[in-house]
Structure formats: C-alpha cells, structure tokens
Amino acid sequence: MKLLKTLFFALVLFMSANAFAQQKKIQTTVIKTAIYCDHCKQCESCGDRLNLGLLKTKGVQMVQLDEEAMTISVTYNTKKTDLTTIKTTISKLGYDADDIKADPVAYEELDGCCKK
C-alpha cells in the first residue's frame, strides 16, 4: 500500500511539472515608432516592409501596425526571441523603436517620401 501511495505521489508530481513545462511563453508588446509615409505610388508600403522584416525574426508570430497611433504590436515567443532583438530589427529596417533610434544607414535606404 505504501508503494502505491509513493507511485501515485510521483505520478502527480511528474504530471504537474510537465504541465508547467508545456506552457508557451507567448507575449505581446506595443512598440512606439515613427512612420511618416503617406503611401504614395512612389514607394513600397512601410507596413509591408515592417511586417515582412519582423516576421523573418525567429519567434515573431504576428505584427500589427497602427499608423495613426504610430505603434507596432508584436506577438512573439519569449523562448525564441526577446524584446531587444525585436527593437533592434525594427531599427535595422530604418525606423525608431521606443528608445532605440533608427539605424542611419537603413534610414537613408528608405524612399524619400518615407522620411521626415
């Protein structure tokens, strides 16, 4: 009987530890940026540039751009990437990301109508 109780306790402990380990670490964050493009016919769409660039980042699952509020909502897996990596990626695309300024070289590669 004592062996049965011990096995039962071990099984419950194993199952609860396994349940915690299987929880996904999905997080959504909102990043302030600056988008000055009016989406004229001369340039590529800034939204597409940001979406495609960020979705190539390992762990990023969804990107939503709010041009009026000048924010980017990013849903990502914290086991595969982190907020600093995401902000750096946005910077390398030529845009500000909260406290990280746009990479000057990437900013110069933006179309003239997308610059301030």
PDB file of N, CA and C in Angstrom:
ATOM      1  N   MET A   1       0.819  -1.191   0.000  1.00  0.00           N
ATOM      2  CA  MET A   1       0.000   0.000   0.000  1.00  0.00           C
ATOM      3  C   MET A   1       0.861   1.251   0.000  1.00  0.00           C
ATOM      4  N   LYS A   2       1.954   1.196   0.775  1.00  0.00           N
ATOM      5  CA  LYS A   2       2.847   2.336   0.852  1.00  0.00           C
ATOM      6  C   LYS A   2       3.507   2.596  -0.504  1.00  0.00           C
ATOM      7  N   LEU A   3       3.843   1.542  -1.217  1.00  0.00           N
ATOM      8  CA  LEU A   3       4.433   1.668  -2.542  1.00  0.00           C
ATOM      9  C   LEU A   3       3.451   2.308  -3.515  1.00  0.00           C
ATOM     10  N   LEU A   4       2.195   1.952  -3.409  1.00  0.00           N
ATOM     11  CA  LEU A   4       1.157   2.511  -4.263  1.00  0.00           C
ATOM     12  C   LEU A   4       1.005   4.016  -4.031  1.00  0.00           C
ATOM     13  N   LYS A   5       1.024   4.431  -2.770  1.00  0.00           N
ATOM     14  CA  LYS A   5       0.922   5.850  -2.451  1.00  0.00           C
ATOM     15  C   LYS A   5       2.129   6.611  -2.989  1.00  0.00           C
ATOM     16  N   THR A   6       3.298   6.039  -2.873  1.00  0.00           N
ATOM     17  CA  THR A   6       4.517   6.681  -3.359  1.00  0.00           C
ATOM     18  C   THR A   6       4.483   6.833  -4.874  1.00  0.00           C
ATOM     19  N   LEU A   7       4.044   5.779  -5.557  1.00  0.00           N
ATOM     20  CA  LEU A   7       3.929   5.848  -7.010  1.00  0.00           C
ATOM     21  C   LEU A   7       2.887   6.885  -7.439  1.00  0.00           C
ATOM     22  N   PHE A   8       1.778   6.931  -6.750  1.00  0.00           N
ATOM     23  CA  PHE A   8       0.740   7.898  -7.048  1.00  0.00           C
ATOM     24  C   PHE A   8       1.273   9.325  -6.864  1.00  0.00           C
ATOM     25  N   PHE A   9       1.965   9.577  -5.761  1.00  0.00           N
ATOM     26  CA  PHE A   9       2.531  10.892  -5.493  1.00  0.00           C
ATOM     27  C   PHE A   9       3.552  11.276  -6.573  1.00  0.00           C
ATOM     28  N   ALA A  10       4.395  10.341  -6.970  1.00  0.00           N
ATOM     29  CA  ALA A  10       5.395  10.598  -8.003  1.00  0.00           C
ATOM     30  C   ALA A  10       4.727  10.910  -9.342  1.00  0.00           C
ATOM     31  N   LEU A  11       3.663  10.191  -9.661  1.00  0.00           N
ATOM     32  CA  LEU A  11       2.933  10.418 -10.903  1.00  0.00           C
ATOM     33  C   LEU A  11       2.301  11.805 -10.919  1.00  0.00           C
ATOM     34  N   VAL A  12       1.672  12.201  -9.814  1.00  0.00           N
ATOM     35  CA  VAL A  12       1.056  13.531  -9.726  1.00  0.00           C
ATOM     36  C   VAL A  12       2.119  14.612  -9.856  1.00  0.00           C
ATOM     37  N   LEU A  13       3.236  14.445  -9.198  1.00  0.00           N
ATOM     38  CA  LEU A  13       4.333  15.410  -9.261  1.00  0.00           C
ATOM     39  C   LEU A  13       4.874  15.522 -10.686  1.00  0.00           C
ATOM     40  N   PHE A  14       5.062  14.398 -11.345  1.00  0.00           N
ATOM     41  CA  PHE A  14       5.560  14.399 -12.725  1.00  0.00           C
ATOM     42  C   PHE A  14       4.587  15.092 -13.664  1.00  0.00           C
ATOM     43  N   MET A  15       3.304  14.816 -13.524  1.00  0.00           N
ATOM     44  CA  MET A  15       2.299  15.421 -14.401  1.00  0.00           C
ATOM     45  C   MET A  15       2.196  16.927 -14.192  1.00  0.00           C
ATOM     46  N   SER A  16       2.268  17.389 -12.964  1.00  0.00           N
ATOM     47  CA  SER A  16       2.183  18.827 -12.721  1.00  0.00           C
ATOM     48  C   SER A  16       3.426  19.547 -13.238  1.00  0.00           C
ATOM     49  N   ALA A  17       4.596  18.957 -13.090  1.00  0.00           N
ATOM     50  CA  ALA A  17       5.827  19.556 -13.616  1.00  0.00           C
ATOM     51  C   ALA A  17       5.788  19.598 -15.136  1.00  0.00           C
ATOM     52  N   ASN A  18       5.268  18.568 -15.737  1.00  0.00           N
ATOM     53  CA  ASN A  18       5.161  18.500 -17.184  1.00  0.00           C
ATOM     54  C   ASN A  18       4.172  19.542 -17.706  1.00  0.00           C
ATOM     55  N   ALA A  19       3.096  19.772 -16.998  1.00  0.00           N
ATOM     56  CA  ALA A  19       2.106  20.762 -17.410  1.00  0.00           C
ATOM     57  C   ALA A  19       2.707  22.160 -17.395  1.00  0.00           C
ATOM     58  N   PHE A  20       3.513  22.478 -16.393  1.00  0.00           N
ATOM     59  CA  PHE A  20       4.155  23.784 -16.341  1.00  0.00           C
ATOM     60  C   PHE A  20       5.179  23.940 -17.455  1.00  0.00           C
ATOM     61  N   ALA A  21       5.882  22.901 -17.791  1.00  0.00           N
ATOM     62  CA  ALA A  21       6.911  22.959 -18.826  1.00  0.00           C
ATOM     63  C   ALA A  21       6.311  23.159 -20.209  1.00  0.00           C
ATOM     64  N   GLN A  22       5.078  22.712 -20.419  1.00  0.00           N
ATOM     65  CA  GLN A  22       4.461  22.808 -21.726  1.00  0.00           C
ATOM     66  C   GLN A  22       3.806  24.154 -21.994  1.00  0.00           C
ATOM     67  N   GLN A  23       3.712  25.016 -21.001  1.00  0.00           N
ATOM     68  CA  GLN A  23       3.106  26.314 -21.222  1.00  0.00           C
ATOM     69  C   GLN A  23       3.973  27.127 -22.175  1.00  0.00           C
ATOM     70  N   LYS A  24       3.332  27.697 -23.182  1.00  0.00           N
ATOM     71  CA  LYS A  24       4.056  28.525 -24.129  1.00  0.00           C
ATOM     72  C   LYS A  24       4.307  29.883 -23.512  1.00  0.00           C
ATOM     73  N   LYS A  25       5.392  30.454 -23.885  1.00  0.00           N
ATOM     74  CA  LYS A  25       5.766  31.774 -23.395  1.00  0.00           C
ATOM     75  C   LYS A  25       5.497  32.785 -24.508  1.00  0.00           C
ATOM     76  N   ILE A  26       4.233  33.046 -24.773  1.00  0.00           N
ATOM     77  CA  ILE A  26       3.830  33.992 -25.807  1.00  0.00           C
ATOM     78  C   ILE A  26       3.544  35.329 -25.146  1.00  0.00           C
ATOM     79  N   GLN A  27       4.091  36.376 -25.736  1.00  0.00           N
ATOM     80  CA  GLN A  27       3.912  37.707 -25.179  1.00  0.00           C
ATOM     81  C   GLN A  27       3.626  38.680 -26.317  1.00  0.00           C
ATOM     82  N   THR A  28       2.812  39.690 -26.036  1.00  0.00           N
ATOM     83  CA  THR A  28       2.541  40.754 -26.986  1.00  0.00           C
ATOM     84  C   THR A  28       2.999  42.069 -26.379  1.00  0.00           C
ATOM     85  N   THR A  29       3.706  42.847 -27.170  1.00  0.00           N
ATOM     86  CA  THR A  29       4.189  44.139 -26.709  1.00  0.00           C
ATOM     87  C   THR A  29       3.858  45.205 -27.742  1.00  0.00           C
ATOM     88  N   VAL A  30       3.744  46.433 -27.292  1.00  0.00           N
ATOM     89  CA  VAL A  30       3.471  47.559 -28.177  1.00  0.00           C
ATOM     90  C   VAL A  30       4.707  48.452 -28.175  1.00  0.00           C
ATOM     91  N   ILE A  31       5.217  48.709 -29.372  1.00  0.00           N
ATOM     92  CA  ILE A  31       6.438  49.496 -29.531  1.00  0.00           C
ATOM     93  C   ILE A  31       6.092  50.792 -30.252  1.00  0.00           C
ATOM     94  N   LYS A  32       6.523  51.892 -29.689  1.00  0.00           N
ATOM     95  CA  LYS A  32       6.300  53.205 -30.293  1.00  0.00           C
ATOM     96  C   LYS A  32       7.313  53.409 -31.406  1.00  0.00           C
ATOM     97  N   THR A  33       6.861  53.897 -32.560  1.00  0.00           N
ATOM     98  CA  THR A  33       7.726  54.141 -33.703  1.00  0.00           C
ATOM     99  C   THR A  33       7.311  55.447 -34.364  1.00  0.00           C
ATOM    100  N   ALA A  34       7.933  55.780 -35.454  1.00  0.00           N
ATOM    101  CA  ALA A  34       7.585  56.985 -36.206  1.00  0.00           C
ATOM    102  C   ALA A  34       7.517  56.622 -37.681  1.00  0.00           C
ATOM    103  N   ILE A  35       6.328  56.746 -38.249  1.00  0.00           N
ATOM    104  CA  ILE A  35       6.126  56.449 -39.662  1.00  0.00           C
ATOM    105  C   ILE A  35       5.585  57.709 -40.313  1.00  0.00           C
ATOM    106  N   TYR A  36       6.324  58.219 -41.274  1.00  0.00           N
ATOM    107  CA  TYR A  36       5.935  59.480 -41.915  1.00  0.00           C
ATOM    108  C   TYR A  36       5.460  59.279 -43.340  1.00  0.00           C
ATOM    109  N   CYS A  37       5.357  58.057 -43.776  1.00  0.00           N
ATOM    110  CA  CYS A  37       4.974  57.758 -45.152  1.00  0.00           C
ATOM    111  C   CYS A  37       3.471  57.967 -45.359  1.00  0.00           C
ATOM    112  N   ASP A  38       3.135  58.583 -46.503  1.00  0.00           N
ATOM    113  CA  ASP A  38       1.719  58.737 -46.834  1.00  0.00           C
ATOM    114  C   ASP A  38       1.273  57.703 -47.859  1.00  0.00           C
ATOM    115  N   HIS A  39       2.126  56.712 -48.109  1.00  0.00           N
ATOM    116  CA  HIS A  39       1.847  55.591 -49.009  1.00  0.00           C
ATOM    117  C   HIS A  39       1.509  56.042 -50.427  1.00  0.00           C
ATOM    118  N   CYS A  40       2.340  56.949 -50.906  1.00  0.00           N
ATOM    119  CA  CYS A  40       2.168  57.390 -52.290  1.00  0.00           C
ATOM    120  C   CYS A  40       2.602  56.264 -53.237  1.00  0.00           C
ATOM    121  N   LYS A  41       2.442  56.481 -54.522  1.00  0.00           N
ATOM    122  CA  LYS A  41       2.754  55.441 -55.503  1.00  0.00           C
ATOM    123  C   LYS A  41       4.245  55.327 -55.794  1.00  0.00           C
ATOM    124  N   GLN A  42       5.065  56.185 -55.184  1.00  0.00           N
ATOM    125  CA  GLN A  42       6.498  56.175 -55.456  1.00  0.00           C
ATOM    126  C   GLN A  42       7.248  55.141 -54.631  1.00  0.00           C
ATOM    127  N   CYS A  43       6.648  54.686 -53.547  1.00  0.00           N
ATOM    128  CA  CYS A  43       7.417  53.860 -52.623  1.00  0.00           C
ATOM    129  C   CYS A  43       6.740  52.516 -52.348  1.00  0.00           C
ATOM    130  N   GLU A  44       7.535  51.672 -51.720  1.00  0.00           N
ATOM    131  CA  GLU A  44       6.996  50.425 -51.187  1.00  0.00           C
ATOM    132  C   GLU A  44       6.177  50.780 -49.952  1.00  0.00           C
ATOM    133  N   SER A  45       5.276  49.948 -49.566  1.00  0.00           N
ATOM    134  CA  SER A  45       4.479  50.210 -48.369  1.00  0.00           C
ATOM    135  C   SER A  45       5.316  49.965 -47.118  1.00  0.00           C
ATOM    136  N   CYS A  46       5.351  50.959 -46.230  1.00  0.00           N
ATOM    137  CA  CYS A  46       6.106  50.820 -44.974  1.00  0.00           C
ATOM    138  C   CYS A  46       5.558  49.666 -44.137  1.00  0.00           C
ATOM    139  N   GLY A  47       4.247  49.512 -44.154  1.00  0.00           N
ATOM    140  CA  GLY A  47       3.638  48.424 -43.389  1.00  0.00           C
ATOM    141  C   GLY A  47       4.141  47.070 -43.844  1.00  0.00           C
ATOM    142  N   ASP A  48       4.227  46.870 -45.154  1.00  0.00           N
ATOM    143  CA  ASP A  48       4.743  45.601 -45.678  1.00  0.00           C
ATOM    144  C   ASP A  48       6.202  45.415 -45.301  1.00  0.00           C
ATOM    145  N   ARG A  49       6.963  46.500 -45.372  1.00  0.00           N
ATOM    146  CA  ARG A  49       8.389  46.422 -45.025  1.00  0.00           C
ATOM    147  C   ARG A  49       8.556  45.980 -43.571  1.00  0.00           C
ATOM    148  N   LEU A  50       7.786  46.594 -42.668  1.00  0.00           N
ATOM    149  CA  LEU A  50       7.869  46.231 -41.252  1.00  0.00           C
ATOM    150  C   LEU A  50       7.353  44.820 -41.005  1.00  0.00           C
ATOM    151  N   ASN A  51       6.201  44.493 -41.577  1.00  0.00           N
ATOM    152  CA  ASN A  51       5.629  43.155 -41.370  1.00  0.00           C
ATOM    153  C   ASN A  51       6.570  42.061 -41.835  1.00  0.00           C
ATOM    154  N   LEU A  52       7.032  42.172 -43.069  1.00  0.00           N
ATOM    155  CA  LEU A  52       7.893  41.123 -43.619  1.00  0.00           C
ATOM    156  C   LEU A  52       9.230  41.059 -42.886  1.00  0.00           C
ATOM    157  N   GLY A  53       9.784  42.215 -42.562  1.00  0.00           N
ATOM    158  CA  GLY A  53      11.058  42.232 -41.858  1.00  0.00           C
ATOM    159  C   GLY A  53      10.967  41.616 -40.475  1.00  0.00           C
ATOM    160  N   LEU A  54       9.911  41.941 -39.754  1.00  0.00           N
ATOM    161  CA  LEU A  54       9.754  41.402 -38.402  1.00  0.00           C
ATOM    162  C   LEU A  54       9.361  39.933 -38.406  1.00  0.00           C
ATOM    163  N   LEU A  55       8.538  39.528 -39.359  1.00  0.00           N
ATOM    164  CA  LEU A  55       8.110  38.124 -39.396  1.00  0.00           C
ATOM    165  C   LEU A  55       9.259  37.178 -39.748  1.00  0.00           C
ATOM    166  N   LYS A  56      10.345  37.711 -40.303  1.00  0.00           N
ATOM    167  CA  LYS A  56      11.528  36.893 -40.571  1.00  0.00           C
ATOM    168  C   LYS A  56      12.322  36.629 -39.300  1.00  0.00           C
ATOM    169  N   THR A  57      12.039  37.391 -38.246  1.00  0.00           N
ATOM    170  CA  THR A  57      12.741  37.216 -36.982  1.00  0.00           C
ATOM    171  C   THR A  57      12.216  35.960 -36.288  1.00  0.00           C
ATOM    172  N   LYS A  58      13.120  35.072 -35.911  1.00  0.00           N
ATOM    173  CA  LYS A  58      12.736  33.823 -35.258  1.00  0.00           C
ATOM    174  C   LYS A  58      11.940  34.122 -33.989  1.00  0.00           C
ATOM    175  N   GLY A  59      10.773  33.523 -33.860  1.00  0.00           N
ATOM    176  CA  GLY A  59       9.940  33.683 -32.669  1.00  0.00           C
ATOM    177  C   GLY A  59       8.825  34.697 -32.826  1.00  0.00           C
ATOM    178  N   VAL A  60       8.920  35.588 -33.807  1.00  0.00           N
ATOM    179  CA  VAL A  60       7.857  36.574 -34.018  1.00  0.00           C
ATOM    180  C   VAL A  60       6.709  35.879 -34.728  1.00  0.00           C
ATOM    181  N   GLN A  61       5.507  36.010 -34.156  1.00  0.00           N
ATOM    182  CA  GLN A  61       4.354  35.299 -34.698  1.00  0.00           C
ATOM    183  C   GLN A  61       3.362  36.216 -35.405  1.00  0.00           C
ATOM    184  N   MET A  62       3.230  37.457 -34.918  1.00  0.00           N
ATOM    185  CA  MET A  62       2.246  38.354 -35.510  1.00  0.00           C
ATOM    186  C   MET A  62       2.714  39.793 -35.335  1.00  0.00           C
ATOM    187  N   VAL A  63       2.439  40.611 -36.352  1.00  0.00           N
ATOM    188  CA  VAL A  63       2.796  42.023 -36.321  1.00  0.00           C
ATOM    189  C   VAL A  63       1.582  42.827 -36.760  1.00  0.00           C
ATOM    190  N   GLN A  64       1.235  43.849 -35.979  1.00  0.00           N
ATOM    191  CA  GLN A  64       0.135  44.741 -36.356  1.00  0.00           C
ATOM    192  C   GLN A  64       0.633  46.170 -36.260  1.00  0.00           C
ATOM    193  N   LEU A  65       0.508  46.899 -37.353  1.00  0.00           N
ATOM    194  CA  LEU A  65       0.963  48.273 -37.421  1.00  0.00           C
ATOM    195  C   LEU A  65      -0.235  49.201 -37.284  1.00  0.00           C
ATOM    196  N   ASP A  66      -0.168  50.139 -36.364  1.00  0.00           N
ATOM    197  CA  ASP A  66      -1.189  51.171 -36.208  1.00  0.00           C
ATOM    198  C   ASP A  66      -0.549  52.491 -36.615  1.00  0.00           C
ATOM    199  N   GLU A  67      -0.784  52.881 -37.871  1.00  0.00           N
ATOM    200  CA  GLU A  67      -0.127  54.061 -38.415  1.00  0.00           C
ATOM    201  C   GLU A  67      -0.583  55.351 -37.744  1.00  0.00           C
ATOM    202  N   GLU A  68      -1.832  55.411 -37.352  1.00  0.00           N
ATOM    203  CA  GLU A  68      -2.337  56.628 -36.706  1.00  0.00           C
ATOM    204  C   GLU A  68      -1.712  56.832 -35.335  1.00  0.00           C
ATOM    205  N   ALA A  69      -1.615  55.778 -34.556  1.00  0.00           N
ATOM    206  CA  ALA A  69      -1.015  55.864 -33.221  1.00  0.00           C
ATOM    207  C   ALA A  69       0.504  55.750 -33.283  1.00  0.00           C
ATOM    208  N   MET A  70       1.031  55.412 -34.463  1.00  0.00           N
ATOM    209  CA  MET A  70       2.461  55.186 -34.680  1.00  0.00           C
ATOM    210  C   MET A  70       3.010  54.151 -33.697  1.00  0.00           C
ATOM    211  N   THR A  71       2.343  52.988 -33.661  1.00  0.00           N
ATOM    212  CA  THR A  71       2.795  51.886 -32.816  1.00  0.00           C
ATOM    213  C   THR A  71       2.808  50.587 -33.620  1.00  0.00           C
ATOM    214  N   ILE A  72       3.612  49.659 -33.139  1.00  0.00           N
ATOM    215  CA  ILE A  72       3.686  48.317 -33.719  1.00  0.00           C
ATOM    216  C   ILE A  72       3.421  47.332 -32.594  1.00  0.00           C
ATOM    217  N   SER A  73       2.391  46.501 -32.736  1.00  0.00           N
ATOM    218  CA  SER A  73       2.125  45.438 -31.770  1.00  0.00           C
ATOM    219  C   SER A  73       2.780  44.162 -32.296  1.00  0.00           C
ATOM    220  N   VAL A  74       3.605  43.563 -31.469  1.00  0.00           N
ATOM    221  CA  VAL A  74       4.336  42.366 -31.880  1.00  0.00           C
ATOM    222  C   VAL A  74       4.030  41.244 -30.893  1.00  0.00           C
ATOM    223  N   THR A  75       3.577  40.114 -31.418  1.00  0.00           N
ATOM    224  CA  THR A  75       3.357  38.920 -30.614  1.00  0.00           C
ATOM    225  C   THR A  75       4.505  37.966 -30.912  1.00  0.00           C
ATOM    226  N   TYR A  76       5.168  37.512 -29.837  1.00  0.00           N
ATOM    227  CA  TYR A  76       6.359  36.692 -30.027  1.00  0.00           C
ATOM    228  C   TYR A  76       6.503  35.657 -28.925  1.00  0.00           C
ATOM    229  N   ASN A  77       7.316  34.637 -29.219  1.00  0.00           N
ATOM    230  CA  ASN A  77       7.621  33.562 -28.288  1.00  0.00           C
ATOM    231  C   ASN A  77       8.883  33.950 -27.522  1.00  0.00           C
ATOM    232  N   THR A  78       8.765  34.124 -26.215  1.00  0.00           N
ATOM    233  CA  THR A  78       9.889  34.578 -25.410  1.00  0.00           C
ATOM    234  C   THR A  78      11.006  33.538 -25.294  1.00  0.00           C
ATOM    235  N   LYS A  79      10.711  32.293 -25.663  1.00  0.00           N
ATOM    236  CA  LYS A  79      11.753  31.263 -25.651  1.00  0.00           C
ATOM    237  C   LYS A  79      12.653  31.369 -26.882  1.00  0.00           C
ATOM    238  N   LYS A  80      12.172  32.052 -27.919  1.00  0.00           N
ATOM    239  CA  LYS A  80      12.923  32.125 -29.169  1.00  0.00           C
ATOM    240  C   LYS A  80      13.512  33.506 -29.454  1.00  0.00           C
ATOM    241  N   THR A  81      12.959  34.549 -28.886  1.00  0.00           N
ATOM    242  CA  THR A  81      13.471  35.895 -29.109  1.00  0.00           C
ATOM    243  C   THR A  81      13.140  36.763 -27.910  1.00  0.00           C
ATOM    244  N   ASP A  82      13.655  37.976 -27.919  1.00  0.00           N
ATOM    245  CA  ASP A  82      13.375  38.897 -26.824  1.00  0.00           C
ATOM    246  C   ASP A  82      13.068  40.279 -27.374  1.00  0.00           C
ATOM    247  N   LEU A  83      12.636  41.161 -26.497  1.00  0.00           N
ATOM    248  CA  LEU A  83      12.205  42.492 -26.896  1.00  0.00           C
ATOM    249  C   LEU A  83      13.348  43.309 -27.506  1.00  0.00           C
ATOM    250  N   THR A  84      14.542  43.168 -26.974  1.00  0.00           N
ATOM    251  CA  THR A  84      15.690  43.906 -27.504  1.00  0.00           C
ATOM    252  C   THR A  84      15.983  43.500 -28.947  1.00  0.00           C
ATOM    253  N   THR A  85      15.897  42.226 -29.248  1.00  0.00           N
ATOM    254  CA  THR A  85      16.122  41.737 -30.609  1.00  0.00           C
ATOM    255  C   THR A  85      15.073  42.307 -31.563  1.00  0.00           C
ATOM    256  N   ILE A  86      13.831  42.347 -31.125  1.00  0.00           N
ATOM    257  CA  ILE A  86      12.754  42.879 -31.960  1.00  0.00           C
ATOM    258  C   ILE A  86      12.969  44.367 -32.223  1.00  0.00           C
ATOM    259  N   LYS A  87      13.313  45.121 -31.190  1.00  0.00           N
ATOM    260  CA  LYS A  87      13.560  46.561 -31.366  1.00  0.00           C
ATOM    261  C   LYS A  87      14.760  46.814 -32.276  1.00  0.00           C
ATOM    262  N   THR A  88      15.789  45.996 -32.143  1.00  0.00           N
ATOM    263  CA  THR A  88      16.962  46.132 -32.999  1.00  0.00           C
ATOM    264  C   THR A  88      16.604  45.845 -34.447  1.00  0.00           C
ATOM    265  N   THR A  89      15.764  44.855 -34.679  1.00  0.00           N
ATOM    266  CA  THR A  89      15.313  44.532 -36.031  1.00  0.00           C
ATOM    267  C   THR A  89      14.554  45.706 -36.632  1.00  0.00           C
ATOM    268  N   ILE A  90      13.670  46.316 -35.855  1.00  0.00           N
ATOM    269  CA  ILE A  90      12.922  47.485 -36.340  1.00  0.00           C
ATOM    270  C   ILE A  90      13.893  48.608 -36.689  1.00  0.00           C
ATOM    271  N   SER A  91      14.887  48.827 -35.846  1.00  0.00           N
ATOM    272  CA  SER A  91      15.902  49.852 -36.100  1.00  0.00           C
ATOM    273  C   SER A  91      16.644  49.569 -37.402  1.00  0.00           C
ATOM    274  N   LYS A  92      16.992  48.311 -37.631  1.00  0.00           N
ATOM    275  CA  LYS A  92      17.720  47.939 -38.843  1.00  0.00           C
ATOM    276  C   LYS A  92      16.860  48.065 -40.101  1.00  0.00           C
ATOM    277  N   LEU A  93      15.543  48.168 -39.916  1.00  0.00           N
ATOM    278  CA  LEU A  93      14.639  48.393 -41.046  1.00  0.00           C
ATOM    279  C   LEU A  93      14.502  49.884 -41.361  1.00  0.00           C
ATOM    280  N   GLY A  94      15.064  50.736 -40.491  1.00  0.00           N
ATOM    281  CA  GLY A  94      15.053  52.178 -40.756  1.00  0.00           C
ATOM    282  C   GLY A  94      14.076  52.965 -39.915  1.00  0.00           C
ATOM    283  N   TYR A  95      13.535  52.368 -38.872  1.00  0.00           N
ATOM    284  CA  TYR A  95      12.515  53.038 -38.045  1.00  0.00           C
ATOM    285  C   TYR A  95      12.941  53.050 -36.578  1.00  0.00           C
ATOM    286  N   ASP A  96      12.467  54.057 -35.853  1.00  0.00           N
ATOM    287  CA  ASP A  96      12.693  54.103 -34.404  1.00  0.00           C
ATOM    288  C   ASP A  96      11.876  53.007 -33.740  1.00  0.00           C
ATOM    289  N   ALA A  97      12.370  52.523 -32.609  1.00  0.00           N
ATOM    290  CA  ALA A  97      11.656  51.507 -31.827  1.00  0.00           C
ATOM    291  C   ALA A  97      11.816  51.859 -30.356  1.00  0.00           C
ATOM    292  N   ASP A  98      10.832  52.563 -29.812  1.00  0.00           N
ATOM    293  CA  ASP A  98      10.886  53.079 -28.444  1.00  0.00           C
ATOM    294  C   ASP A  98      12.163  53.900 -28.258  1.00  0.00           C
ATOM    295  N   ASP A  99      13.064  53.426 -27.417  1.00  0.00           N
ATOM    296  CA  ASP A  99      14.274  54.180 -27.100  1.00  0.00           C
ATOM    297  C   ASP A  99      15.436  53.903 -28.062  1.00  0.00           C
ATOM    298  N   ILE A 100      15.275  52.988 -28.991  1.00  0.00           N
ATOM    299  CA  ILE A 100      16.324  52.677 -29.960  1.00  0.00           C
ATOM    300  C   ILE A 100      16.042  53.450 -31.249  1.00  0.00           C
ATOM    301  N   LYS A 101      16.977  54.294 -31.623  1.00  0.00           N
ATOM    302  CA  LYS A 101      16.823  55.110 -32.831  1.00  0.00           C
ATOM    303  C   LYS A 101      17.062  54.270 -34.078  1.00  0.00           C
ATOM    304  N   ALA A 102      16.486  54.725 -35.180  1.00  0.00           N
ATOM    305  CA  ALA A 102      16.642  54.030 -36.453  1.00  0.00           C
ATOM    306  C   ALA A 102      18.102  54.000 -36.865  1.00  0.00           C
ATOM    307  N   ASP A 103      18.512  52.881 -37.420  1.00  0.00           N
ATOM    308  CA  ASP A 103      19.860  52.750 -37.951  1.00  0.00           C
ATOM    309  C   ASP A 103      20.033  53.778 -39.083  1.00  0.00           C
ATOM    310  N   PRO A 104      21.042  54.646 -39.020  1.00  0.00           N
ATOM    311  CA  PRO A 104      21.202  55.701 -40.023  1.00  0.00           C
ATOM    312  C   PRO A 104      21.326  55.181 -41.456  1.00  0.00           C
ATOM    313  N   VAL A 105      22.035  54.073 -41.647  1.00  0.00           N
ATOM    314  CA  VAL A 105      22.198  53.509 -42.987  1.00  0.00           C
ATOM    315  C   VAL A 105      20.857  52.999 -43.510  1.00  0.00           C
ATOM    316  N   ALA A 106      20.108  52.293 -42.675  1.00  0.00           N
ATOM    317  CA  ALA A 106      18.801  51.775 -43.084  1.00  0.00           C
ATOM    318  C   ALA A 106      17.821  52.916 -43.337  1.00  0.00           C
ATOM    319  N   TYR A 107      17.886  53.955 -42.524  1.00  0.00           N
ATOM    320  CA  TYR A 107      17.004  55.112 -42.707  1.00  0.00           C
ATOM    321  C   TYR A 107      17.271  55.776 -44.061  1.00  0.00           C
ATOM    322  N   GLU A 108      18.522  55.900 -44.454  1.00  0.00           N
ATOM    323  CA  GLU A 108      18.865  56.512 -45.733  1.00  0.00           C
ATOM    324  C   GLU A 108      18.371  55.670 -46.909  1.00  0.00           C
ATOM    325  N   GLU A 109      18.199  54.369 -46.714  1.00  0.00           N
ATOM    326  CA  GLU A 109      17.710  53.494 -47.781  1.00  0.00           C
ATOM    327  C   GLU A 109      16.207  53.583 -47.978  1.00  0.00           C
ATOM    328  N   LEU A 110      15.488  54.207 -47.024  1.00  0.00           N
ATOM    329  CA  LEU A 110      14.052  54.397 -47.199  1.00  0.00           C
ATOM    330  C   LEU A 110      13.803  55.360 -48.345  1.00  0.00           C
ATOM    331  N   ASP A 111      12.655  55.239 -48.985  1.00  0.00           N
ATOM    332  CA  ASP A 111      12.283  56.178 -50.037  1.00  0.00           C
ATOM    333  C   ASP A 111      12.151  57.576 -49.459  1.00  0.00           C
ATOM    334  N   GLY A 112      12.405  58.581 -50.265  1.00  0.00           N
ATOM    335  CA  GLY A 112      12.389  59.972 -49.821  1.00  0.00           C
ATOM    336  C   GLY A 112      11.057  60.381 -49.201  1.00  0.00           C
ATOM    337  N   CYS A 113       9.962  59.838 -49.701  1.00  0.00           N
ATOM    338  CA  CYS A 113       8.654  60.212 -49.177  1.00  0.00           C
ATOM    339  C   CYS A 113       8.353  59.566 -47.820  1.00  0.00           C
ATOM    340  N   CYS A 114       9.211  58.667 -47.378  1.00  0.00           N
ATOM    341  CA  CYS A 114       9.010  57.990 -46.092  1.00  0.00           C
ATOM    342  C   CYS A 114       9.844  58.603 -44.976  1.00  0.00           C
ATOM    343  N   LYS A 115      10.589  59.639 -45.299  1.00  0.00           N
ATOM    344  CA  LYS A 115      11.459  60.284 -44.317  1.00  0.00           C
ATOM    345  C   LYS A 115      10.807  61.557 -43.809  1.00  0.00           C
ATOM    346  N   LYS A 116      11.200  61.924 -42.617  1.00  0.00           N
ATOM    347  CA  LYS A 116      10.647  63.135 -42.010  1.00  0.00           C
ATOM    348  C   LYS A 116      11.228  64.365 -42.665  1.00  0.00           C
TER     349      LYS A 116
END
